[in-house]
PDB file of N, CA and C in Angstrom:
ATOM      1  N   MET A   1      -7.986 -36.785   1.605  1.00  0.00           N
ATOM      2  CA  MET A   1      -7.172 -35.823   2.307  1.00  0.00           C
ATOM      3  C   MET A   1      -7.206 -34.493   1.551  1.00  0.00           C
ATOM      4  N   ILE A   2      -7.470 -33.399   2.263  1.00  0.00           N
ATOM      5  CA  ILE A   2      -7.541 -32.074   1.659  1.00  0.00           C
ATOM      6  C   ILE A   2      -6.180 -31.408   1.796  1.00  0.00           C
ATOM      7  N   HIS A   3      -5.670 -30.915   0.686  1.00  0.00           N
ATOM      8  CA  HIS A   3      -4.394 -30.214   0.706  1.00  0.00           C
ATOM      9  C   HIS A   3      -4.591 -28.785   1.190  1.00  0.00           C
ATOM     10  N   ILE A   4      -3.563 -28.255   1.850  1.00  0.00           N
ATOM     11  CA  ILE A   4      -3.641 -26.882   2.352  1.00  0.00           C
ATOM     12  C   ILE A   4      -3.811 -25.895   1.206  1.00  0.00           C
ATOM     13  N   ALA A   5      -3.210 -26.168   0.048  1.00  0.00           N
ATOM     14  CA  ALA A   5      -3.348 -25.270  -1.103  1.00  0.00           C
ATOM     15  C   ALA A   5      -4.801 -25.181  -1.556  1.00  0.00           C
ATOM     16  N   THR A   6      -5.537 -26.285  -1.455  1.00  0.00           N
ATOM     17  CA  THR A   6      -6.945 -26.281  -1.833  1.00  0.00           C
ATOM     18  C   THR A   6      -7.740 -25.365  -0.920  1.00  0.00           C
ATOM     19  N   ILE A   7      -7.405 -25.367   0.358  1.00  0.00           N
ATOM     20  CA  ILE A   7      -8.111 -24.523   1.325  1.00  0.00           C
ATOM     21  C   ILE A   7      -7.750 -23.058   1.116  1.00  0.00           C
ATOM     22  N   LEU A   8      -6.460 -22.769   0.905  1.00  0.00           N
ATOM     23  CA  LEU A   8      -6.005 -21.393   0.788  1.00  0.00           C
ATOM     24  C   LEU A   8      -6.445 -20.727  -0.512  1.00  0.00           C
ATOM     25  N   PHE A   9      -6.491 -21.491  -1.594  1.00  0.00           N
ATOM     26  CA  PHE A   9      -6.751 -20.896  -2.893  1.00  0.00           C
ATOM     27  C   PHE A   9      -8.101 -21.276  -3.482  1.00  0.00           C
ATOM     28  N   ALA A  10      -8.988 -21.801  -2.672  1.00  0.00           N
ATOM     29  CA  ALA A  10     -10.313 -22.172  -3.161  1.00  0.00           C
ATOM     30  C   ALA A  10     -11.091 -20.910  -3.528  1.00  0.00           C
ATOM     31  N   ASN A  11     -11.872 -20.992  -4.564  1.00  0.00           N
ATOM     32  CA  ASN A  11     -12.681 -19.876  -5.018  1.00  0.00           C
ATOM     33  C   ASN A  11     -14.119 -20.356  -5.166  1.00  0.00           C
ATOM     34  N   PRO A  12     -14.839 -20.490  -4.048  1.00  0.00           N
ATOM     35  CA  PRO A  12     -16.185 -21.066  -4.116  1.00  0.00           C
ATOM     36  C   PRO A  12     -17.195 -20.189  -4.855  1.00  0.00           C
ATOM     37  N   TYR A  13     -16.902 -18.891  -5.026  1.00  0.00           N
ATOM     38  CA  TYR A  13     -17.856 -17.996  -5.660  1.00  0.00           C
ATOM     39  C   TYR A  13     -17.598 -17.823  -7.153  1.00  0.00           C
ATOM     40  N   GLY A  14     -16.496 -18.367  -7.658  1.00  0.00           N
ATOM     41  CA  GLY A  14     -16.196 -18.271  -9.085  1.00  0.00           C
ATOM     42  C   GLY A  14     -15.829 -16.874  -9.540  1.00  0.00           C
ATOM     43  N   ILE A  15     -15.270 -16.064  -8.652  1.00  0.00           N
ATOM     44  CA  ILE A  15     -14.900 -14.698  -8.995  1.00  0.00           C
ATOM     45  C   ILE A  15     -13.564 -14.728  -9.743  1.00  0.00           C
ATOM     46  N   THR A  16     -13.510 -14.019 -10.856  1.00  0.00           N
ATOM     47  CA  THR A  16     -12.262 -13.958 -11.618  1.00  0.00           C
ATOM     48  C   THR A  16     -11.525 -12.666 -11.301  1.00  0.00           C
ATOM     49  N   ALA A  17     -10.235 -12.644 -11.612  1.00  0.00           N
ATOM     50  CA  ALA A  17      -9.410 -11.476 -11.338  1.00  0.00           C
ATOM     51  C   ALA A  17      -9.917 -10.258 -12.099  1.00  0.00           C
ATOM     52  N   GLY A  18     -10.343 -10.446 -13.329  1.00  0.00           N
ATOM     53  CA  GLY A  18     -10.834  -9.336 -14.134  1.00  0.00           C
ATOM     54  C   GLY A  18     -12.084  -8.694 -13.570  1.00  0.00           C
ATOM     55  N   GLN A  19     -12.914  -9.466 -12.885  1.00  0.00           N
ATOM     56  CA  GLN A  19     -14.151  -8.933 -12.319  1.00  0.00           C
ATOM     57  C   GLN A  19     -13.898  -7.977 -11.157  1.00  0.00           C
ATOM     58  N   ILE A  20     -12.785  -8.122 -10.465  1.00  0.00           N
ATOM     59  CA  ILE A  20     -12.506  -7.259  -9.322  1.00  0.00           C
ATOM     60  C   ILE A  20     -11.393  -6.258  -9.608  1.00  0.00           C
ATOM     61  N   GLY A  21     -10.965  -6.179 -10.869  1.00  0.00           N
ATOM     62  CA  GLY A  21     -10.014  -5.153 -11.268  1.00  0.00           C
ATOM     63  C   GLY A  21      -8.548  -5.537 -11.133  1.00  0.00           C
ATOM     64  N   VAL A  22      -8.250  -6.793 -10.879  1.00  0.00           N
ATOM     65  CA  VAL A  22      -6.859  -7.230 -10.785  1.00  0.00           C
ATOM     66  C   VAL A  22      -6.373  -7.557 -12.191  1.00  0.00           C
ATOM     67  N   PRO A  23      -5.199  -7.004 -12.580  1.00  0.00           N
ATOM     68  CA  PRO A  23      -4.714  -7.281 -13.935  1.00  0.00           C
ATOM     69  C   PRO A  23      -4.400  -8.758 -14.127  1.00  0.00           C
ATOM     70  N   THR A  24      -4.761  -9.285 -15.288  1.00  0.00           N
ATOM     71  CA  THR A  24      -4.519 -10.699 -15.567  1.00  0.00           C
ATOM     72  C   THR A  24      -3.396 -10.914 -16.556  1.00  0.00           C
ATOM     73  N   GLY A  25      -2.986  -9.898 -17.264  1.00  0.00           N
ATOM     74  CA  GLY A  25      -1.901 -10.052 -18.222  1.00  0.00           C
ATOM     75  C   GLY A  25      -1.483  -8.711 -18.772  1.00  0.00           C
ATOM     76  N   THR A  26      -0.233  -8.622 -19.211  1.00  0.00           N
ATOM     77  CA  THR A  26       0.279  -7.385 -19.779  1.00  0.00           C
ATOM     78  C   THR A  26       1.088  -7.700 -21.031  1.00  0.00           C
ATOM     79  N   ALA A  27       1.182  -6.710 -21.885  1.00  0.00           N
ATOM     80  CA  ALA A  27       1.923  -6.887 -23.132  1.00  0.00           C
ATOM     81  C   ALA A  27       3.418  -6.640 -22.939  1.00  0.00           C
ATOM     82  N   ASN A  28       3.765  -5.726 -22.001  1.00  0.00           N
ATOM     83  CA  ASN A  28       5.173  -5.417 -21.764  1.00  0.00           C
ATOM     84  C   ASN A  28       5.372  -4.980 -20.316  1.00  0.00           C
ATOM     85  N   LEU A  29       6.614  -4.736 -19.942  1.00  0.00           N
ATOM     86  CA  LEU A  29       6.938  -4.386 -18.563  1.00  0.00           C
ATOM     87  C   LEU A  29       6.325  -3.050 -18.170  1.00  0.00           C
ATOM     88  N   SER A  30       6.356  -2.087 -19.064  1.00  0.00           N
ATOM     89  CA  SER A  30       5.804  -0.774 -18.757  1.00  0.00           C
ATOM     90  C   SER A  30       4.317  -0.863 -18.444  1.00  0.00           C
ATOM     91  N   GLN A  31       3.599  -1.630 -19.242  1.00  0.00           N
ATOM     92  CA  GLN A  31       2.167  -1.799 -18.999  1.00  0.00           C
ATOM     93  C   GLN A  31       1.935  -2.522 -17.680  1.00  0.00           C
ATOM     94  N   GLY A  32       2.785  -3.488 -17.367  1.00  0.00           N
ATOM     95  CA  GLY A  32       2.676  -4.194 -16.098  1.00  0.00           C
ATOM     96  C   GLY A  32       2.897  -3.281 -14.914  1.00  0.00           C
ATOM     97  N   LEU A  33       3.908  -2.405 -15.022  1.00  0.00           N
ATOM     98  CA  LEU A  33       4.182  -1.474 -13.932  1.00  0.00           C
ATOM     99  C   LEU A  33       3.053  -0.478 -13.743  1.00  0.00           C
ATOM    100  N   THR A  34       2.468  -0.025 -14.849  1.00  0.00           N
ATOM    101  CA  THR A  34       1.375   0.939 -14.711  1.00  0.00           C
ATOM    102  C   THR A  34       0.143   0.314 -14.072  1.00  0.00           C
ATOM    103  N   LYS A  35       0.050  -1.002 -14.090  1.00  0.00           N
ATOM    104  CA  LYS A  35      -1.065  -1.663 -13.414  1.00  0.00           C
ATOM    105  C   LYS A  35      -0.738  -2.003 -11.962  1.00  0.00           C
ATOM    106  N   VAL A  36       0.525  -2.282 -11.675  1.00  0.00           N
ATOM    107  CA  VAL A  36       0.914  -2.711 -10.335  1.00  0.00           C
ATOM    108  C   VAL A  36       1.178  -1.521  -9.413  1.00  0.00           C
ATOM    109  N   ILE A  37       1.764  -0.454  -9.927  1.00  0.00           N
ATOM    110  CA  ILE A  37       2.137   0.698  -9.098  1.00  0.00           C
ATOM    111  C   ILE A  37       0.932   1.292  -8.363  1.00  0.00           C
ATOM    112  N   PRO A  38      -0.212   1.540  -9.014  1.00  0.00           N
ATOM    113  CA  PRO A  38      -1.351   2.076  -8.251  1.00  0.00           C
ATOM    114  C   PRO A  38      -1.827   1.131  -7.145  1.00  0.00           C
ATOM    115  N   LEU A  39      -1.748  -0.165  -7.387  1.00  0.00           N
ATOM    116  CA  LEU A  39      -2.126  -1.126  -6.353  1.00  0.00           C
ATOM    117  C   LEU A  39      -1.183  -1.020  -5.160  1.00  0.00           C
ATOM    118  N   LEU A  40       0.112  -0.940  -5.432  1.00  0.00           N
ATOM    119  CA  LEU A  40       1.085  -0.807  -4.356  1.00  0.00           C
ATOM    120  C   LEU A  40       0.925   0.516  -3.615  1.00  0.00           C
ATOM    121  N   LEU A  41       0.659   1.595  -4.356  1.00  0.00           N
ATOM    122  CA  LEU A  41       0.448   2.885  -3.711  1.00  0.00           C
ATOM    123  C   LEU A  41      -0.785   2.845  -2.817  1.00  0.00           C
ATOM    124  N   THR A  42      -1.822   2.162  -3.248  1.00  0.00           N
ATOM    125  CA  THR A  42      -3.016   2.014  -2.417  1.00  0.00           C
ATOM    126  C   THR A  42      -2.692   1.283  -1.123  1.00  0.00           C
ATOM    127  N   LEU A  43      -1.912   0.213  -1.226  1.00  0.00           N
ATOM    128  CA  LEU A  43      -1.526  -0.532  -0.027  1.00  0.00           C
ATOM    129  C   LEU A  43      -0.667   0.308   0.907  1.00  0.00           C
ATOM    130  N   VAL A  44       0.294   1.051   0.350  1.00  0.00           N
ATOM    131  CA  VAL A  44       1.145   1.919   1.162  1.00  0.00           C
ATOM    132  C   VAL A  44       0.305   3.007   1.821  1.00  0.00           C
ATOM    133  N   GLY A  45      -0.635   3.571   1.072  1.00  0.00           N
ATOM    134  CA  GLY A  45      -1.505   4.599   1.637  1.00  0.00           C
ATOM    135  C   GLY A  45      -2.351   4.075   2.781  1.00  0.00           C
ATOM    136  N   MET A  46      -2.891   2.873   2.616  1.00  0.00           N
ATOM    137  CA  MET A  46      -3.692   2.281   3.695  1.00  0.00           C
ATOM    138  C   MET A  46      -2.826   2.018   4.927  1.00  0.00           C
ATOM    139  N   LEU A  47      -1.616   1.517   4.703  1.00  0.00           N
ATOM    140  CA  LEU A  47      -0.707   1.264   5.822  1.00  0.00           C
ATOM    141  C   LEU A  47      -0.338   2.568   6.522  1.00  0.00           C
ATOM    142  N   ALA A  48      -0.107   3.627   5.754  1.00  0.00           N
ATOM    143  CA  ALA A  48       0.231   4.923   6.353  1.00  0.00           C
ATOM    144  C   ALA A  48      -0.922   5.454   7.194  1.00  0.00           C
ATOM    145  N   VAL A  49      -2.141   5.325   6.703  1.00  0.00           N
ATOM    146  CA  VAL A  49      -3.307   5.792   7.468  1.00  0.00           C
ATOM    147  C   VAL A  49      -3.456   4.985   8.761  1.00  0.00           C
ATOM    148  N   VAL A  50      -3.258   3.684   8.672  1.00  0.00           N
ATOM    149  CA  VAL A  50      -3.335   2.847   9.873  1.00  0.00           C
ATOM    150  C   VAL A  50      -2.269   3.269  10.882  1.00  0.00           C
ATOM    151  N   MET A  51      -1.061   3.528  10.396  1.00  0.00           N
ATOM    152  CA  MET A  51       0.009   3.934  11.309  1.00  0.00           C
ATOM    153  C   MET A  51      -0.268   5.312  11.911  1.00  0.00           C
ATOM    154  N   MET A  52      -0.906   6.200  11.141  1.00  0.00           N
ATOM    155  CA  MET A  52      -1.281   7.506  11.684  1.00  0.00           C
ATOM    156  C   MET A  52      -2.327   7.353  12.779  1.00  0.00           C
ATOM    157  N   ILE A  53      -3.268   6.445  12.589  1.00  0.00           N
ATOM    158  CA  ILE A  53      -4.286   6.195  13.614  1.00  0.00           C
ATOM    159  C   ILE A  53      -3.639   5.603  14.862  1.00  0.00           C
ATOM    160  N   VAL A  54      -2.725   4.652  14.661  1.00  0.00           N
ATOM    161  CA  VAL A  54      -2.014   4.048  15.800  1.00  0.00           C
ATOM    162  C   VAL A  54      -1.239   5.117  16.553  1.00  0.00           C
ATOM    163  N   ALA A  55      -0.560   6.000  15.834  1.00  0.00           N
ATOM    164  CA  ALA A  55       0.199   7.066  16.481  1.00  0.00           C
ATOM    165  C   ALA A  55      -0.729   8.002  17.255  1.00  0.00           C
ATOM    166  N   GLY A  56      -1.883   8.298  16.690  1.00  0.00           N
ATOM    167  CA  GLY A  56      -2.841   9.149  17.394  1.00  0.00           C
ATOM    168  C   GLY A  56      -3.338   8.505  18.677  1.00  0.00           C
ATOM    169  N   ILE A  57      -3.603   7.212  18.613  1.00  0.00           N
ATOM    170  CA  ILE A  57      -4.037   6.498  19.824  1.00  0.00           C
ATOM    171  C   ILE A  57      -2.906   6.480  20.845  1.00  0.00           C
ATOM    172  N   GLN A  58      -1.673   6.253  20.382  1.00  0.00           N
ATOM    173  CA  GLN A  58      -0.532   6.273  21.307  1.00  0.00           C
ATOM    174  C   GLN A  58      -0.384   7.636  21.962  1.00  0.00           C
ATOM    175  N   MET A  59      -0.603   8.710  21.195  1.00  0.00           N
ATOM    176  CA  MET A  59      -0.529  10.059  21.774  1.00  0.00           C
ATOM    177  C   MET A  59      -1.619  10.263  22.814  1.00  0.00           C
ATOM    178  N   ALA A  60      -2.813   9.774  22.504  1.00  0.00           N
ATOM    179  CA  ALA A  60      -3.935   9.973  23.418  1.00  0.00           C
ATOM    180  C   ALA A  60      -3.758   9.222  24.726  1.00  0.00           C
ATOM    181  N   VAL A  61      -3.132   8.054  24.680  1.00  0.00           N
ATOM    182  CA  VAL A  61      -2.987   7.253  25.895  1.00  0.00           C
ATOM    183  C   VAL A  61      -1.617   7.402  26.539  1.00  0.00           C
ATOM    184  N   SER A  62      -0.839   8.375  26.077  1.00  0.00           N
ATOM    185  CA  SER A  62       0.491   8.561  26.671  1.00  0.00           C
ATOM    186  C   SER A  62       0.406   9.055  28.111  1.00  0.00           C
ATOM    187  N   ALA A  63      -0.699   9.651  28.475  1.00  0.00           N
ATOM    188  CA  ALA A  63      -0.977  10.063  29.858  1.00  0.00           C
ATOM    189  C   ALA A  63       0.130  10.935  30.439  1.00  0.00           C
ATOM    190  N   GLY A  64       0.611  11.863  29.641  1.00  0.00           N
ATOM    191  CA  GLY A  64       1.618  12.786  30.131  1.00  0.00           C
ATOM    192  C   GLY A  64       3.039  12.254  30.125  1.00  0.00           C
ATOM    193  N   ASN A  65       3.227  11.006  29.743  1.00  0.00           N
ATOM    194  CA  ASN A  65       4.574  10.428  29.669  1.00  0.00           C
ATOM    195  C   ASN A  65       5.243  10.973  28.406  1.00  0.00           C
ATOM    196  N   SER A  66       6.249  11.817  28.595  1.00  0.00           N
ATOM    197  CA  SER A  66       6.856  12.496  27.454  1.00  0.00           C
ATOM    198  C   SER A  66       7.585  11.525  26.523  1.00  0.00           C
ATOM    199  N   ALA A  67       8.138  10.437  27.035  1.00  0.00           N
ATOM    200  CA  ALA A  67       8.845   9.469  26.192  1.00  0.00           C
ATOM    201  C   ALA A  67       7.856   8.742  25.275  1.00  0.00           C
ATOM    202  N   ARG A  68       6.705   8.347  25.816  1.00  0.00           N
ATOM    203  CA  ARG A  68       5.700   7.669  24.993  1.00  0.00           C
ATOM    204  C   ARG A  68       5.110   8.616  23.955  1.00  0.00           C
ATOM    205  N   PHE A  69       4.906   9.887  24.353  1.00  0.00           N
ATOM    206  CA  PHE A  69       4.383  10.872  23.422  1.00  0.00           C
ATOM    207  C   PHE A  69       5.383  11.131  22.295  1.00  0.00           C
ATOM    208  N   ALA A  70       6.651  11.212  22.632  1.00  0.00           N
ATOM    209  CA  ALA A  70       7.687  11.438  21.615  1.00  0.00           C
ATOM    210  C   ALA A  70       7.762  10.260  20.646  1.00  0.00           C
ATOM    211  N   LYS A  71       7.601   9.039  21.162  1.00  0.00           N
ATOM    212  CA  LYS A  71       7.623   7.861  20.287  1.00  0.00           C
ATOM    213  C   LYS A  71       6.418   7.887  19.341  1.00  0.00           C
ATOM    214  N   ALA A  72       5.264   8.276  19.845  1.00  0.00           N
ATOM    215  CA  ALA A  72       4.061   8.364  19.004  1.00  0.00           C
ATOM    216  C   ALA A  72       4.229   9.452  17.950  1.00  0.00           C
ATOM    217  N   ARG A  73       4.795  10.585  18.329  1.00  0.00           N
ATOM    218  CA  ARG A  73       5.035  11.671  17.376  1.00  0.00           C
ATOM    219  C   ARG A  73       6.003  11.220  16.281  1.00  0.00           C
ATOM    220  N   GLU A  74       7.004  10.447  16.671  1.00  0.00           N
ATOM    221  CA  GLU A  74       7.971   9.905  15.707  1.00  0.00           C
ATOM    222  C   GLU A  74       7.278   8.938  14.736  1.00  0.00           C
ATOM    223  N   THR A  75       6.392   8.112  15.254  1.00  0.00           N
ATOM    224  CA  THR A  75       5.636   7.189  14.401  1.00  0.00           C
ATOM    225  C   THR A  75       4.791   7.966  13.401  1.00  0.00           C
ATOM    226  N   LEU A  76       4.139   9.005  13.856  1.00  0.00           N
ATOM    227  CA  LEU A  76       3.324   9.836  12.983  1.00  0.00           C
ATOM    228  C   LEU A  76       4.178  10.497  11.905  1.00  0.00           C
ATOM    229  N   LEU A  77       5.328  11.009  12.299  1.00  0.00           N
ATOM    230  CA  LEU A  77       6.227  11.645  11.348  1.00  0.00           C
ATOM    231  C   LEU A  77       6.688  10.650  10.287  1.00  0.00           C
ATOM    232  N   TYR A  78       7.091   9.456  10.702  1.00  0.00           N
ATOM    233  CA  TYR A  78       7.562   8.449   9.750  1.00  0.00           C
ATOM    234  C   TYR A  78       6.449   7.987   8.810  1.00  0.00           C
ATOM    235  N   ALA A  79       5.218   7.891   9.311  1.00  0.00           N
ATOM    236  CA  ALA A  79       4.094   7.511   8.455  1.00  0.00           C
ATOM    237  C   ALA A  79       3.844   8.578   7.389  1.00  0.00           C
ATOM    238  N   CYS A  80       3.913   9.832   7.782  1.00  0.00           N
ATOM    239  CA  CYS A  80       3.712  10.929   6.817  1.00  0.00           C
ATOM    240  C   CYS A  80       4.840  10.967   5.788  1.00  0.00           C
ATOM    241  N   VAL A  81       6.080  10.826   6.245  1.00  0.00           N
ATOM    242  CA  VAL A  81       7.216  10.838   5.326  1.00  0.00           C
ATOM    243  C   VAL A  81       7.137   9.658   4.366  1.00  0.00           C
ATOM    244  N   GLY A  82       6.771   8.496   4.853  1.00  0.00           N
ATOM    245  CA  GLY A  82       6.622   7.331   3.989  1.00  0.00           C
ATOM    246  C   GLY A  82       5.566   7.528   2.927  1.00  0.00           C
ATOM    247  N   LEU A  83       4.461   8.147   3.298  1.00  0.00           N
ATOM    248  CA  LEU A  83       3.396   8.424   2.335  1.00  0.00           C
ATOM    249  C   LEU A  83       3.867   9.419   1.277  1.00  0.00           C
ATOM    250  N   ILE A  84       4.586  10.435   1.701  1.00  0.00           N
ATOM    251  CA  ILE A  84       5.110  11.425   0.753  1.00  0.00           C
ATOM    252  C   ILE A  84       6.103  10.773  -0.210  1.00  0.00           C
ATOM    253  N   ILE A  85       6.971   9.907   0.297  1.00  0.00           N
ATOM    254  CA  ILE A  85       7.936   9.213  -0.557  1.00  0.00           C
ATOM    255  C   ILE A  85       7.215   8.313  -1.558  1.00  0.00           C
ATOM    256  N   ALA A  86       6.172   7.627  -1.117  1.00  0.00           N
ATOM    257  CA  ALA A  86       5.418   6.745  -2.025  1.00  0.00           C
ATOM    258  C   ALA A  86       4.746   7.550  -3.130  1.00  0.00           C
ATOM    259  N   ILE A  87       4.173   8.689  -2.791  1.00  0.00           N
ATOM    260  CA  ILE A  87       3.527   9.531  -3.798  1.00  0.00           C
ATOM    261  C   ILE A  87       4.566  10.094  -4.766  1.00  0.00           C
ATOM    262  N   ALA A  88       5.727  10.497  -4.246  1.00  0.00           N
ATOM    263  CA  ALA A  88       6.799  11.001  -5.111  1.00  0.00           C
ATOM    264  C   ALA A  88       7.301   9.894  -6.041  1.00  0.00           C
ATOM    265  N   ALA A  89       7.408   8.685  -5.528  1.00  0.00           N
ATOM    266  CA  ALA A  89       7.846   7.560  -6.362  1.00  0.00           C
ATOM    267  C   ALA A  89       6.849   7.316  -7.486  1.00  0.00           C
ATOM    268  N   LEU A  90       5.564   7.404  -7.187  1.00  0.00           N
ATOM    269  CA  LEU A  90       4.543   7.238  -8.228  1.00  0.00           C
ATOM    270  C   LEU A  90       4.667   8.329  -9.281  1.00  0.00           C
ATOM    271  N   ALA A  91       4.886   9.563  -8.843  1.00  0.00           N
ATOM    272  CA  ALA A  91       5.022  10.668  -9.792  1.00  0.00           C
ATOM    273  C   ALA A  91       6.241  10.466 -10.683  1.00  0.00           C
ATOM    274  N   ILE A  92       7.337  10.007 -10.108  1.00  0.00           N
ATOM    275  CA  ILE A  92       8.553   9.772 -10.893  1.00  0.00           C
ATOM    276  C   ILE A  92       8.335   8.660 -11.904  1.00  0.00           C
ATOM    277  N   VAL A  93       7.723   7.568 -11.465  1.00  0.00           N
ATOM    278  CA  VAL A  93       7.471   6.446 -12.380  1.00  0.00           C
ATOM    279  C   VAL A  93       6.534   6.873 -13.497  1.00  0.00           C
ATOM    280  N   ASP A  94       5.484   7.613 -13.181  1.00  0.00           N
ATOM    281  CA  ASP A  94       4.562   8.094 -14.212  1.00  0.00           C
ATOM    282  C   ASP A  94       5.268   9.019 -15.197  1.00  0.00           C
ATOM    283  N   PHE A  95       6.125   9.889 -14.681  1.00  0.00           N
ATOM    284  CA  PHE A  95       6.858  10.815 -15.546  1.00  0.00           C
ATOM    285  C   PHE A  95       7.797  10.064 -16.482  1.00  0.00           C
ATOM    286  N   VAL A  96       8.555   9.126 -15.943  1.00  0.00           N
ATOM    287  CA  VAL A  96       9.497   8.368 -16.754  1.00  0.00           C
ATOM    288  C   VAL A  96       8.761   7.497 -17.759  1.00  0.00           C
ATOM    289  N   ALA A  97       7.725   6.813 -17.331  1.00  0.00           N
ATOM    290  CA  ALA A  97       6.959   5.963 -18.248  1.00  0.00           C
ATOM    291  C   ALA A  97       6.304   6.788 -19.328  1.00  0.00           C
ATOM    292  N   GLY A  98       5.836   7.970 -19.005  1.00  0.00           N
ATOM    293  CA  GLY A  98       5.227   8.855 -20.007  1.00  0.00           C
ATOM    294  C   GLY A  98       6.237   9.337 -21.028  1.00  0.00           C
ATOM    295  N   ASN A  99       7.455   9.586 -20.598  1.00  0.00           N
ATOM    296  CA  ASN A  99       8.481  10.071 -21.530  1.00  0.00           C
ATOM    297  C   ASN A  99       9.030   8.948 -22.388  1.00  0.00           C
ATOM    298  N   ILE A 100       8.997   7.725 -21.910  1.00  0.00           N
ATOM    299  CA  ILE A 100       9.488   6.612 -22.704  1.00  0.00           C
ATOM    300  C   ILE A 100       8.535   6.329 -23.864  1.00  0.00           C
ATOM    301  N   HIS A 101       7.240   6.356 -23.586  1.00  0.00           N
ATOM    302  CA  HIS A 101       6.249   6.025 -24.617  1.00  0.00           C
ATOM    303  C   HIS A 101       5.759   7.252 -25.360  1.00  0.00           C
ATOM    304  N   GLY A 102       5.920   8.426 -24.737  1.00  0.00           N
ATOM    305  CA  GLY A 102       5.394   9.638 -25.350  1.00  0.00           C
ATOM    306  C   GLY A 102       6.255  10.122 -26.431  1.00  0.00           C
TER     307      GLY A 102
END
């Protein structure tokens, strides 16, 4: 009987986390955050771009319906604001982490 965990976490190619740039260990919390924050920012950035594309498609297919166009514009606005907040959060974390160790 094959367990679901074996199927989900199988690594038939033998790729390790270090080979693809995923952190495998940290000495302290600050070092851990400096490795995780860019990964999270990348994910947030990708999600924001996807939402911007979705909003653009919604605008294009609104077919003159002002309510649908307004909803798409709102989606675009929220995606941009979310991206700006994520970038600001990264800047704040970098600033604070730099001042703690600097």
